[in-house]
C-alpha atoms as a PDB file:
ATOM      1  CA  MET A   1     -57.765  -9.515 -12.694  1.00  0.00           C
ATOM      2  CA  TRP A   2     -56.897  -7.082 -10.117  1.00  0.00           C
ATOM      3  CA  SER A   3     -59.645  -4.333  -9.221  1.00  0.00           C
ATOM      4  CA  GLU A   4     -59.959  -1.354  -6.714  1.00  0.00           C
ATOM      5  CA  SER A   5     -63.316  -3.799  -5.542  1.00  0.00           C
ATOM      6  CA  ASN A   6     -61.460  -6.778  -5.499  1.00  0.00           C
ATOM      7  CA  ASN A   7     -57.642  -5.928  -4.698  1.00  0.00           C
ATOM      8  CA  TYR A   8     -56.823  -9.381  -3.476  1.00  0.00           C
ATOM      9  CA  GLY A   9     -55.292  -7.361  -0.729  1.00  0.00           C
ATOM     10  CA  PHE A  10     -52.834  -5.234  -2.946  1.00  0.00           C
ATOM     11  CA  GLU A  11     -52.601  -1.384  -2.728  1.00  0.00           C
ATOM     12  CA  ASN A  12     -52.668  -1.217  -6.846  1.00  0.00           C
ATOM     13  CA  GLU A  13     -52.392  -3.542 -10.176  1.00  0.00           C
ATOM     14  CA  TYR A  14     -49.037  -3.258 -10.281  1.00  0.00           C
ATOM     15  CA  ASP A  15     -48.129  -4.905  -7.031  1.00  0.00           C
ATOM     16  CA  TYR A  16     -50.768  -7.635  -7.729  1.00  0.00           C
ATOM     17  CA  LEU A  17     -49.135  -8.370 -10.884  1.00  0.00           C
ATOM     18  CA  ARG A  18     -45.593  -8.633  -9.413  1.00  0.00           C
ATOM     19  CA  SER A  19     -46.713 -10.956  -6.907  1.00  0.00           C
ATOM     20  CA  LEU A  20     -47.980 -13.208 -10.127  1.00  0.00           C
ATOM     21  CA  LYS A  21     -44.638 -13.439 -11.262  1.00  0.00           C
ATOM     22  CA  GLU A  22     -42.777 -16.945 -11.612  1.00  0.00           C
ATOM     23  CA  ALA A  23     -38.941 -17.150 -12.490  1.00  0.00           C
ATOM     24  CA  ASP A  24     -37.336 -13.850 -13.661  1.00  0.00           C
ATOM     25  CA  SER A  25     -36.704 -15.839 -17.418  1.00  0.00           C
ATOM     26  CA  TYR A  26     -37.836 -18.290 -19.358  1.00  0.00           C
ATOM     27  CA  ALA A  27     -36.401 -19.611 -22.626  1.00  0.00           C
ATOM     28  CA  PHE A  28     -38.507 -21.770 -25.485  1.00  0.00           C
ATOM     29  CA  THR A  29     -37.196 -23.691 -28.343  1.00  0.00           C
ATOM     30  CA  TYR A  30     -39.834 -24.379 -31.216  1.00  0.00           C
ATOM     31  CA  PRO A  31     -39.039 -26.451 -34.306  1.00  0.00           C
ATOM     32  CA  PHE A  32     -41.058 -24.880 -37.134  1.00  0.00           C
ATOM     33  CA  GLU A  33     -40.866 -26.383 -41.025  1.00  0.00           C
ATOM     34  CA  TYR A  34     -39.762 -24.228 -43.953  1.00  0.00           C
ATOM     35  CA  ILE A  35     -39.698 -24.550 -47.625  1.00  0.00           C
ATOM     36  CA  ALA A  36     -36.034 -25.541 -48.665  1.00  0.00           C
ATOM     37  CA  LYS A  37     -36.736 -26.162 -51.977  1.00  0.00           C
ATOM     38  CA  ASN A  38     -39.749 -25.021 -53.931  1.00  0.00           C
ATOM     39  CA  HIS A  39     -39.699 -27.041 -57.437  1.00  0.00           C
ATOM     40  CA  GLY A  40     -43.275 -25.786 -58.236  1.00  0.00           C
ATOM     41  CA  ASN A  41     -46.898 -27.806 -59.038  1.00  0.00           C
ATOM     42  CA  ASP A  42     -46.748 -28.034 -55.023  1.00  0.00           C
ATOM     43  CA  ASN A  43     -43.537 -30.263 -55.113  1.00  0.00           C
ATOM     44  CA  TYR A  44     -41.314 -29.048 -52.091  1.00  0.00           C
ATOM     45  CA  ASP A  45     -38.533 -30.048 -50.431  1.00  0.00           C
ATOM     46  CA  ILE A  46     -39.138 -29.154 -46.512  1.00  0.00           C
ATOM     47  CA  SER A  47     -36.537 -28.501 -43.983  1.00  0.00           C
ATOM     48  CA  THR A  48     -36.828 -27.704 -40.034  1.00  0.00           C
ATOM     49  CA  ALA A  49     -35.548 -24.794 -38.043  1.00  0.00           C
ATOM     50  CA  ASP A  50     -35.587 -23.876 -34.501  1.00  0.00           C
ATOM     51  CA  MET A  51     -37.074 -20.377 -32.825  1.00  0.00           C
ATOM     52  CA  VAL A  52     -35.609 -19.841 -29.789  1.00  0.00           C
ATOM     53  CA  VAL A  53     -38.341 -17.755 -27.756  1.00  0.00           C
ATOM     54  CA  ARG A  54     -37.353 -15.538 -24.735  1.00  0.00           C
ATOM     55  CA  LEU A  55     -39.272 -14.165 -21.658  1.00  0.00           C
ATOM     56  CA  GLN A  56     -37.700 -11.845 -19.333  1.00  0.00           C
ATOM     57  CA  TRP A  57     -39.413 -10.432 -16.333  1.00  0.00           C
ATOM     58  CA  SER A  58     -39.932  -6.565 -16.637  1.00  0.00           C
ATOM     59  CA  ASP A  59     -40.686  -4.359 -13.718  1.00  0.00           C
ATOM     60  CA  THR A  60     -41.362  -1.387 -15.628  1.00  0.00           C
ATOM     61  CA  GLU A  61     -44.198  -3.023 -17.838  1.00  0.00           C
ATOM     62  CA  ALA A  62     -45.259  -5.358 -14.912  1.00  0.00           C
ATOM     63  CA  GLY A  63     -44.893  -8.415 -17.164  1.00  0.00           C
ATOM     64  CA  TYR A  64     -43.066 -10.739 -19.190  1.00  0.00           C
ATOM     65  CA  THR A  65     -41.356  -9.176 -22.346  1.00  0.00           C
ATOM     66  CA  MET A  66     -40.548 -11.405 -25.246  1.00  0.00           C
ATOM     67  CA  THR A  67     -37.842 -11.833 -28.201  1.00  0.00           C
ATOM     68  CA  TYR A  68     -37.178 -14.589 -30.411  1.00  0.00           C
ATOM     69  CA  ASP A  69     -34.291 -15.599 -32.617  1.00  0.00           C
ATOM     70  CA  VAL A  70     -33.962 -17.834 -35.357  1.00  0.00           C
ATOM     71  CA  ALA A  71     -30.127 -19.020 -35.864  1.00  0.00           C
ATOM     72  CA  GLU A  72     -30.451 -20.647 -39.215  1.00  0.00           C
ATOM     73  CA  MET A  73     -32.522 -17.789 -40.661  1.00  0.00           C
ATOM     74  CA  TYR A  74     -30.057 -17.411 -43.302  1.00  0.00           C
ATOM     75  CA  LYS A  75     -30.539 -20.679 -44.871  1.00  0.00           C
ATOM     76  CA  ILE A  76     -34.794 -19.431 -45.125  1.00  0.00           C
ATOM     77  CA  ASP A  77     -34.717 -18.142 -48.387  1.00  0.00           C
ATOM     78  CA  PRO A  78     -38.264 -15.934 -49.176  1.00  0.00           C
ATOM     79  CA  ALA A  79     -37.755 -16.896 -52.637  1.00  0.00           C
ATOM     80  CA  GLU A  80     -38.801 -20.191 -52.169  1.00  0.00           C
ATOM     81  CA  GLY A  81     -41.812 -18.866 -50.475  1.00  0.00           C
ATOM     82  CA  ASN A  82     -41.063 -18.440 -46.849  1.00  0.00           C
ATOM     83  CA  SER A  83     -41.945 -15.862 -44.400  1.00  0.00           C
ATOM     84  CA  ASP A  84     -39.530 -13.875 -42.405  1.00  0.00           C
ATOM     85  CA  ALA A  85     -38.950 -14.616 -38.615  1.00  0.00           C
ATOM     86  CA  ALA A  86     -41.937 -12.397 -37.594  1.00  0.00           C
ATOM     87  CA  GLY A  87     -43.983 -14.558 -39.971  1.00  0.00           C
ATOM     88  CA  PHE A  88     -43.125 -18.018 -38.568  1.00  0.00           C
ATOM     89  CA  TYR A  89     -43.774 -16.544 -35.210  1.00  0.00           C
ATOM     90  CA  GLU A  90     -47.162 -15.135 -35.881  1.00  0.00           C
ATOM     91  CA  THR A  91     -48.337 -18.169 -37.742  1.00  0.00           C
ATOM     92  CA  ASP A  92     -46.599 -21.286 -36.063  1.00  0.00           C
ATOM     93  CA  VAL A  93     -44.775 -20.382 -32.841  1.00  0.00           C
ATOM     94  CA  TYR A  94     -47.267 -17.746 -31.250  1.00  0.00           C
ATOM     95  CA  TRP A  95     -50.028 -20.533 -30.374  1.00  0.00           C
ATOM     96  CA  ARG A  96     -47.588 -23.126 -29.142  1.00  0.00           C
ATOM     97  CA  LEU A  97     -46.104 -20.348 -26.764  1.00  0.00           C
ATOM     98  CA  VAL A  98     -49.328 -19.422 -25.315  1.00  0.00           C
ATOM     99  CA  ASP A  99     -50.587 -22.807 -24.727  1.00  0.00           C
ATOM    100  CA  ASP A 100     -47.115 -23.362 -22.866  1.00  0.00           C
ATOM    101  CA  LEU A 101     -47.190 -20.057 -20.937  1.00  0.00           C
ATOM    102  CA  ASP A 102     -51.097 -20.713 -19.991  1.00  0.00           C
ATOM    103  CA  GLY A 103     -50.010 -24.389 -18.851  1.00  0.00           C
ATOM    104  CA  MET A 104     -47.486 -22.982 -16.568  1.00  0.00           C
ATOM    105  CA  GLY A 105     -49.967 -20.575 -15.007  1.00  0.00           C
ATOM    106  CA  ILE A 106     -48.666 -17.646 -17.044  1.00  0.00           C
ATOM    107  CA  GLY A 107     -51.601 -16.036 -18.005  1.00  0.00           C
ATOM    108  CA  SER A 108     -52.346 -13.139 -20.556  1.00  0.00           C
ATOM    109  CA  GLU A 109     -52.289 -10.438 -17.474  1.00  0.00           C
ATOM    110  CA  LEU A 110     -48.569 -11.355 -17.052  1.00  0.00           C
ATOM    111  CA  ARG A 111     -47.771 -10.661 -21.001  1.00  0.00           C
ATOM    112  CA  ALA A 112     -46.425  -7.589 -21.980  1.00  0.00           C
ATOM    113  CA  PHE A 113     -46.326  -8.983 -25.575  1.00  0.00           C
END
């Protein structure tokens, strides 16, 4: 992390963070399970959908911003006990994304989300 006392040769933190930038954008696809049919008594039919997560470098944020999309969200019925896309992201996809980014050297200081 940049600080005035350990500035890594950069005038400000913004320039330091920009120096850590990797590619301009990334796209990841993460499968997750959802309840296709809830028959009751803990009896479920399970299906799988894909969440596409996109990271885009933002000069304004001096980090990567993130968006996600589930193309088949129309198939996922909340009445069967499912969450919305944000819920699937938070409970299933987020930690896999963070692990992948850490593995690529894109630490939390470069994430604007």
